[in-house]
Amino acid sequence: MRLIVAAVGRLKQGPERELATWYRKRAAATGRPLGWREVEIIEIRESRVQDRDRRRTEESIALANVIPDGGVVAVLDERGENLDSAALAGLIRQWRDDSRTAACFIIGGADGLAPSLSERAKVRLAFGAATWPHQLVRIMLLEQIYRAGTILSGHPYHRA
């Protein structure tokens, strides 16, 4: 199963990019025995359109275009569910066991996602009630994917 993190915006060189790369590589290595392929990062260029709704629509169309056929969609949404790590690991295991071709985690731009993309989501995830910068959301998501792999493989990284 492919694991894809599709996000609006690029991580620039620096500590955020290094940390994201570190967790992505660890997640891929941990997930390989579990039937995961490498964790893919797809960065979508931010729209330059001035109108907020058009900008959100353009970005959502670009994000929707990277979702593979048969892939399950999970969006990061401040109004989403606050799943604990074990529950997220359970979802990823279920998707794998259901022979889903991919799990695609979507991180929208500053204006959020168009309803047409948000409605495709099998699950909406939140990292608490706080508002987080998109760069940190990506890092936290990659860490949680890595943690899910450790939970599913029985590795001691996760101590509940």
C-alpha atoms as a PDB file:
ATOM      1  CA  MET A   1       0.000   0.000   0.000  1.00  0.00           C
ATOM      2  CA  ARG A   2       1.244   3.456  -0.874  1.00  0.00           C
ATOM      3  CA  LEU A   3       1.230   6.121   1.814  1.00  0.00           C
ATOM      4  CA  ILE A   4       0.987   9.604   0.377  1.00  0.00           C
ATOM      5  CA  VAL A   5       1.152  12.955   2.123  1.00  0.00           C
ATOM      6  CA  ALA A   6      -0.106  15.604  -0.308  1.00  0.00           C
ATOM      7  CA  ALA A   7       0.251  19.163   0.909  1.00  0.00           C
ATOM      8  CA  VAL A   8      -0.188  22.666  -0.408  1.00  0.00           C
ATOM      9  CA  GLY A   9       3.103  24.515  -0.105  1.00  0.00           C
ATOM     10  CA  ARG A  10       6.733  23.542   0.068  1.00  0.00           C
ATOM     11  CA  LEU A  11       8.940  22.951   3.056  1.00  0.00           C
ATOM     12  CA  LYS A  12      11.948  25.176   2.605  1.00  0.00           C
ATOM     13  CA  GLN A  13      15.466  24.054   3.507  1.00  0.00           C
ATOM     14  CA  GLY A  14      16.001  24.073   7.241  1.00  0.00           C
ATOM     15  CA  PRO A  15      15.138  22.194  10.409  1.00  0.00           C
ATOM     16  CA  GLU A  16      11.491  21.568   9.476  1.00  0.00           C
ATOM     17  CA  ARG A  17      12.458  19.907   6.196  1.00  0.00           C
ATOM     18  CA  GLU A  18      15.186  17.868   7.913  1.00  0.00           C
ATOM     19  CA  LEU A  19      12.782  16.629  10.583  1.00  0.00           C
ATOM     20  CA  ALA A  20      10.101  15.790   8.011  1.00  0.00           C
ATOM     21  CA  THR A  21      12.655  13.858   5.952  1.00  0.00           C
ATOM     22  CA  TRP A  22      13.869  12.007   9.043  1.00  0.00           C
ATOM     23  CA  TYR A  23      10.356  10.855  10.018  1.00  0.00           C
ATOM     24  CA  ARG A  24       9.472   9.986   6.400  1.00  0.00           C
ATOM     25  CA  LYS A  25      12.519   7.728   6.096  1.00  0.00           C
ATOM     26  CA  ARG A  26      11.867   6.076   9.457  1.00  0.00           C
ATOM     27  CA  ALA A  27       8.200   5.520   8.559  1.00  0.00           C
ATOM     28  CA  ALA A  28       9.183   3.936   5.256  1.00  0.00           C
ATOM     29  CA  ALA A  29      11.713   1.613   6.894  1.00  0.00           C
ATOM     30  CA  THR A  30       9.304   0.607   9.673  1.00  0.00           C
ATOM     31  CA  GLY A  31       6.387   0.179   7.280  1.00  0.00           C
ATOM     32  CA  ARG A  32       8.168  -1.870   4.631  1.00  0.00           C
ATOM     33  CA  PRO A  33       7.713  -5.183   6.526  1.00  0.00           C
ATOM     34  CA  LEU A  34       4.068  -4.201   7.055  1.00  0.00           C
ATOM     35  CA  GLY A  35       3.409  -3.945   3.320  1.00  0.00           C
ATOM     36  CA  TRP A  36       3.839  -0.186   2.975  1.00  0.00           C
ATOM     37  CA  ARG A  37       5.832   1.292   0.173  1.00  0.00           C
ATOM     38  CA  GLU A  38       7.909   4.411   0.689  1.00  0.00           C
ATOM     39  CA  VAL A  39       6.012   7.318   2.215  1.00  0.00           C
ATOM     40  CA  GLU A  40       5.556   9.762  -0.672  1.00  0.00           C
ATOM     41  CA  ILE A  41       5.449  13.519  -0.231  1.00  0.00           C
ATOM     42  CA  ILE A  42       3.671  15.479  -2.947  1.00  0.00           C
ATOM     43  CA  GLU A  43       3.902  19.245  -2.699  1.00  0.00           C
ATOM     44  CA  ILE A  44       1.293  21.324  -4.515  1.00  0.00           C
ATOM     45  CA  ARG A  45       2.129  24.891  -5.491  1.00  0.00           C
ATOM     46  CA  GLU A  46       0.093  27.520  -3.652  1.00  0.00           C
ATOM     47  CA  SER A  47      -2.412  29.268  -5.877  1.00  0.00           C
ATOM     48  CA  ARG A  48      -1.724  32.957  -6.534  1.00  0.00           C
ATOM     49  CA  VAL A  49      -5.364  33.799  -7.299  1.00  0.00           C
ATOM     50  CA  GLN A  50      -6.600  36.685  -5.152  1.00  0.00           C
ATOM     51  CA  ASP A  51     -10.133  35.366  -4.606  1.00  0.00           C
ATOM     52  CA  ARG A  52     -10.152  33.044  -1.552  1.00  0.00           C
ATOM     53  CA  ASP A  53     -12.765  30.617  -2.899  1.00  0.00           C
ATOM     54  CA  ARG A  54     -11.069  30.294  -6.303  1.00  0.00           C
ATOM     55  CA  ARG A  55      -7.687  29.830  -4.605  1.00  0.00           C
ATOM     56  CA  ARG A  56      -9.084  27.066  -2.393  1.00  0.00           C
ATOM     57  CA  THR A  57     -10.758  25.434  -5.409  1.00  0.00           C
ATOM     58  CA  GLU A  58      -7.580  25.522  -7.527  1.00  0.00           C
ATOM     59  CA  GLU A  59      -5.506  24.001  -4.734  1.00  0.00           C
ATOM     60  CA  SER A  60      -8.140  21.337  -4.043  1.00  0.00           C
ATOM     61  CA  ILE A  61      -8.289  20.349  -7.721  1.00  0.00           C
ATOM     62  CA  ALA A  62      -4.496  19.960  -7.757  1.00  0.00           C
ATOM     63  CA  LEU A  63      -4.644  17.852  -4.593  1.00  0.00           C
ATOM     64  CA  ALA A  64      -7.493  15.700  -5.940  1.00  0.00           C
ATOM     65  CA  ASN A  65      -5.455  14.990  -9.061  1.00  0.00           C
ATOM     66  CA  VAL A  66      -2.762  13.179  -7.044  1.00  0.00           C
ATOM     67  CA  ILE A  67      -5.149  10.788  -5.287  1.00  0.00           C
ATOM     68  CA  PRO A  68      -4.650   7.378  -6.888  1.00  0.00           C
ATOM     69  CA  ASP A  69      -7.592   5.251  -8.022  1.00  0.00           C
ATOM     70  CA  GLY A  70      -8.692   3.050  -5.155  1.00  0.00           C
ATOM     71  CA  GLY A  71      -6.939   5.247  -2.607  1.00  0.00           C
ATOM     72  CA  VAL A  72      -8.559   6.172   0.664  1.00  0.00           C
ATOM     73  CA  VAL A  73      -8.554   9.870   1.539  1.00  0.00           C
ATOM     74  CA  ALA A  74      -7.824  11.323   4.968  1.00  0.00           C
ATOM     75  CA  VAL A  75      -7.844  15.095   5.310  1.00  0.00           C
ATOM     76  CA  LEU A  76      -6.266  17.165   8.030  1.00  0.00           C
ATOM     77  CA  ASP A  77      -8.999  19.439   9.321  1.00  0.00           C
ATOM     78  CA  GLU A  78      -9.059  21.553  12.466  1.00  0.00           C
ATOM     79  CA  ARG A  79     -12.651  20.357  13.000  1.00  0.00           C
ATOM     80  CA  GLY A  80     -11.691  16.716  12.487  1.00  0.00           C
ATOM     81  CA  GLU A  81     -11.422  13.814  14.886  1.00  0.00           C
ATOM     82  CA  ASN A  82      -8.696  13.792  17.512  1.00  0.00           C
ATOM     83  CA  LEU A  83      -7.611  10.182  17.144  1.00  0.00           C
ATOM     84  CA  ASP A  84      -5.004   8.733  19.411  1.00  0.00           C
ATOM     85  CA  SER A  85      -1.996   7.044  17.846  1.00  0.00           C
ATOM     86  CA  ALA A  86      -3.332   3.509  18.301  1.00  0.00           C
ATOM     87  CA  ALA A  87      -6.598   4.428  16.556  1.00  0.00           C
ATOM     88  CA  LEU A  88      -4.712   5.924  13.596  1.00  0.00           C
ATOM     89  CA  ALA A  89      -2.567   2.788  13.410  1.00  0.00           C
ATOM     90  CA  GLY A  90      -5.773   0.745  13.399  1.00  0.00           C
ATOM     91  CA  LEU A  91      -7.162   2.754  10.493  1.00  0.00           C
ATOM     92  CA  ILE A  92      -3.996   2.291   8.455  1.00  0.00           C
ATOM     93  CA  ARG A  93      -4.021  -1.451   9.219  1.00  0.00           C
ATOM     94  CA  GLN A  94      -7.687  -1.675   8.181  1.00  0.00           C
ATOM     95  CA  TRP A  95      -7.011   0.142   4.893  1.00  0.00           C
ATOM     96  CA  ARG A  96      -4.082  -2.166   4.185  1.00  0.00           C
ATOM     97  CA  ASP A  97      -6.107  -5.257   5.070  1.00  0.00           C
ATOM     98  CA  ASP A  98      -8.948  -4.019   2.835  1.00  0.00           C
ATOM     99  CA  SER A  99      -6.402  -4.003  -0.031  1.00  0.00           C
ATOM    100  CA  ARG A 100      -6.614  -0.270  -0.553  1.00  0.00           C
ATOM    101  CA  THR A 101      -4.030   0.783  -3.127  1.00  0.00           C
ATOM    102  CA  ALA A 102      -3.076   3.881  -1.156  1.00  0.00           C
ATOM    103  CA  ALA A 103      -3.813   6.010   1.857  1.00  0.00           C
ATOM    104  CA  CYS A 104      -3.622   9.657   0.854  1.00  0.00           C
ATOM    105  CA  PHE A 105      -3.324  12.208   3.671  1.00  0.00           C
ATOM    106  CA  ILE A 106      -4.277  15.687   2.467  1.00  0.00           C
ATOM    107  CA  ILE A 107      -3.038  18.941   4.013  1.00  0.00           C
ATOM    108  CA  GLY A 108      -4.790  21.923   2.457  1.00  0.00           C
ATOM    109  CA  GLY A 109      -3.569  25.470   2.101  1.00  0.00           C
ATOM    110  CA  ALA A 110      -4.176  28.411   4.399  1.00  0.00           C
ATOM    111  CA  ASP A 111      -7.761  28.712   3.119  1.00  0.00           C
ATOM    112  CA  GLY A 112      -8.602  25.051   3.695  1.00  0.00           C
ATOM    113  CA  LEU A 113     -10.108  22.621   1.209  1.00  0.00           C
ATOM    114  CA  ALA A 114     -12.978  22.926  -1.214  1.00  0.00           C
ATOM    115  CA  PRO A 115     -16.070  21.013  -0.055  1.00  0.00           C
ATOM    116  CA  SER A 116     -15.808  18.737  -3.104  1.00  0.00           C
ATOM    117  CA  LEU A 117     -12.456  17.393  -1.850  1.00  0.00           C
ATOM    118  CA  SER A 118     -13.306  17.431   1.832  1.00  0.00           C
ATOM    119  CA  GLU A 119     -16.405  15.313   1.166  1.00  0.00           C
ATOM    120  CA  ARG A 120     -14.231  12.579  -0.398  1.00  0.00           C
ATOM    121  CA  ALA A 121     -12.514  12.008   2.922  1.00  0.00           C
ATOM    122  CA  LYS A 122     -13.017   8.712   4.699  1.00  0.00           C
ATOM    123  CA  VAL A 123     -11.711  10.394   7.828  1.00  0.00           C
ATOM    124  CA  ARG A 124     -10.971  13.941   8.970  1.00  0.00           C
ATOM    125  CA  LEU A 125      -8.050  14.195  11.369  1.00  0.00           C
ATOM    126  CA  ALA A 126      -7.139  16.987  13.764  1.00  0.00           C
ATOM    127  CA  PHE A 127      -4.135  17.478  16.002  1.00  0.00           C
ATOM    128  CA  GLY A 128      -6.033  19.092  18.852  1.00  0.00           C
ATOM    129  CA  ALA A 129      -7.924  22.351  19.112  1.00  0.00           C
ATOM    130  CA  ALA A 130      -4.871  24.554  18.540  1.00  0.00           C
ATOM    131  CA  THR A 131      -4.067  26.056  15.168  1.00  0.00           C
ATOM    132  CA  TRP A 132      -0.760  24.715  13.837  1.00  0.00           C
ATOM    133  CA  PRO A 133       1.461  26.000  11.028  1.00  0.00           C
ATOM    134  CA  HIS A 134       1.214  23.760   7.959  1.00  0.00           C
ATOM    135  CA  GLN A 135       4.904  22.894   8.209  1.00  0.00           C
ATOM    136  CA  LEU A 136       4.440  21.507  11.723  1.00  0.00           C
ATOM    137  CA  VAL A 137       1.258  19.654  10.737  1.00  0.00           C
ATOM    138  CA  ARG A 138       3.235  17.829   8.070  1.00  0.00           C
ATOM    139  CA  ILE A 139       5.942  16.880  10.571  1.00  0.00           C
ATOM    140  CA  MET A 140       3.383  15.756  13.158  1.00  0.00           C
ATOM    141  CA  LEU A 141       1.563  13.679  10.540  1.00  0.00           C
ATOM    142  CA  LEU A 142       4.791  12.003   9.420  1.00  0.00           C
ATOM    143  CA  GLU A 143       5.664  11.264  13.036  1.00  0.00           C
ATOM    144  CA  GLN A 144       2.227   9.726  13.572  1.00  0.00           C
ATOM    145  CA  ILE A 145       2.615   7.580  10.449  1.00  0.00           C
ATOM    146  CA  TYR A 146       5.986   6.418  11.779  1.00  0.00           C
ATOM    147  CA  ARG A 147       4.422   5.774  15.194  1.00  0.00           C
ATOM    148  CA  ALA A 148       1.600   3.801  13.548  1.00  0.00           C
ATOM    149  CA  GLY A 149       4.219   1.594  11.934  1.00  0.00           C
ATOM    150  CA  THR A 150       5.930   1.000  15.257  1.00  0.00           C
ATOM    151  CA  ILE A 151       2.609   0.159  16.912  1.00  0.00           C
ATOM    152  CA  LEU A 152       1.674  -2.306  14.178  1.00  0.00           C
ATOM    153  CA  SER A 153       5.094  -3.960  14.260  1.00  0.00           C
ATOM    154  CA  GLY A 154       5.267  -4.175  18.069  1.00  0.00           C
ATOM    155  CA  HIS A 155       8.291  -1.860  18.266  1.00  0.00           C
ATOM    156  CA  PRO A 156       8.799  -0.217  21.696  1.00  0.00           C
ATOM    157  CA  TYR A 157       8.868   3.374  20.316  1.00  0.00           C
ATOM    158  CA  HIS A 158       5.204   3.775  21.290  1.00  0.00           C
ATOM    159  CA  ARG A 159       4.607   3.428  24.988  1.00  0.00           C
ATOM    160  CA  ALA A 160       0.962   3.864  25.893  1.00  0.00           C
END
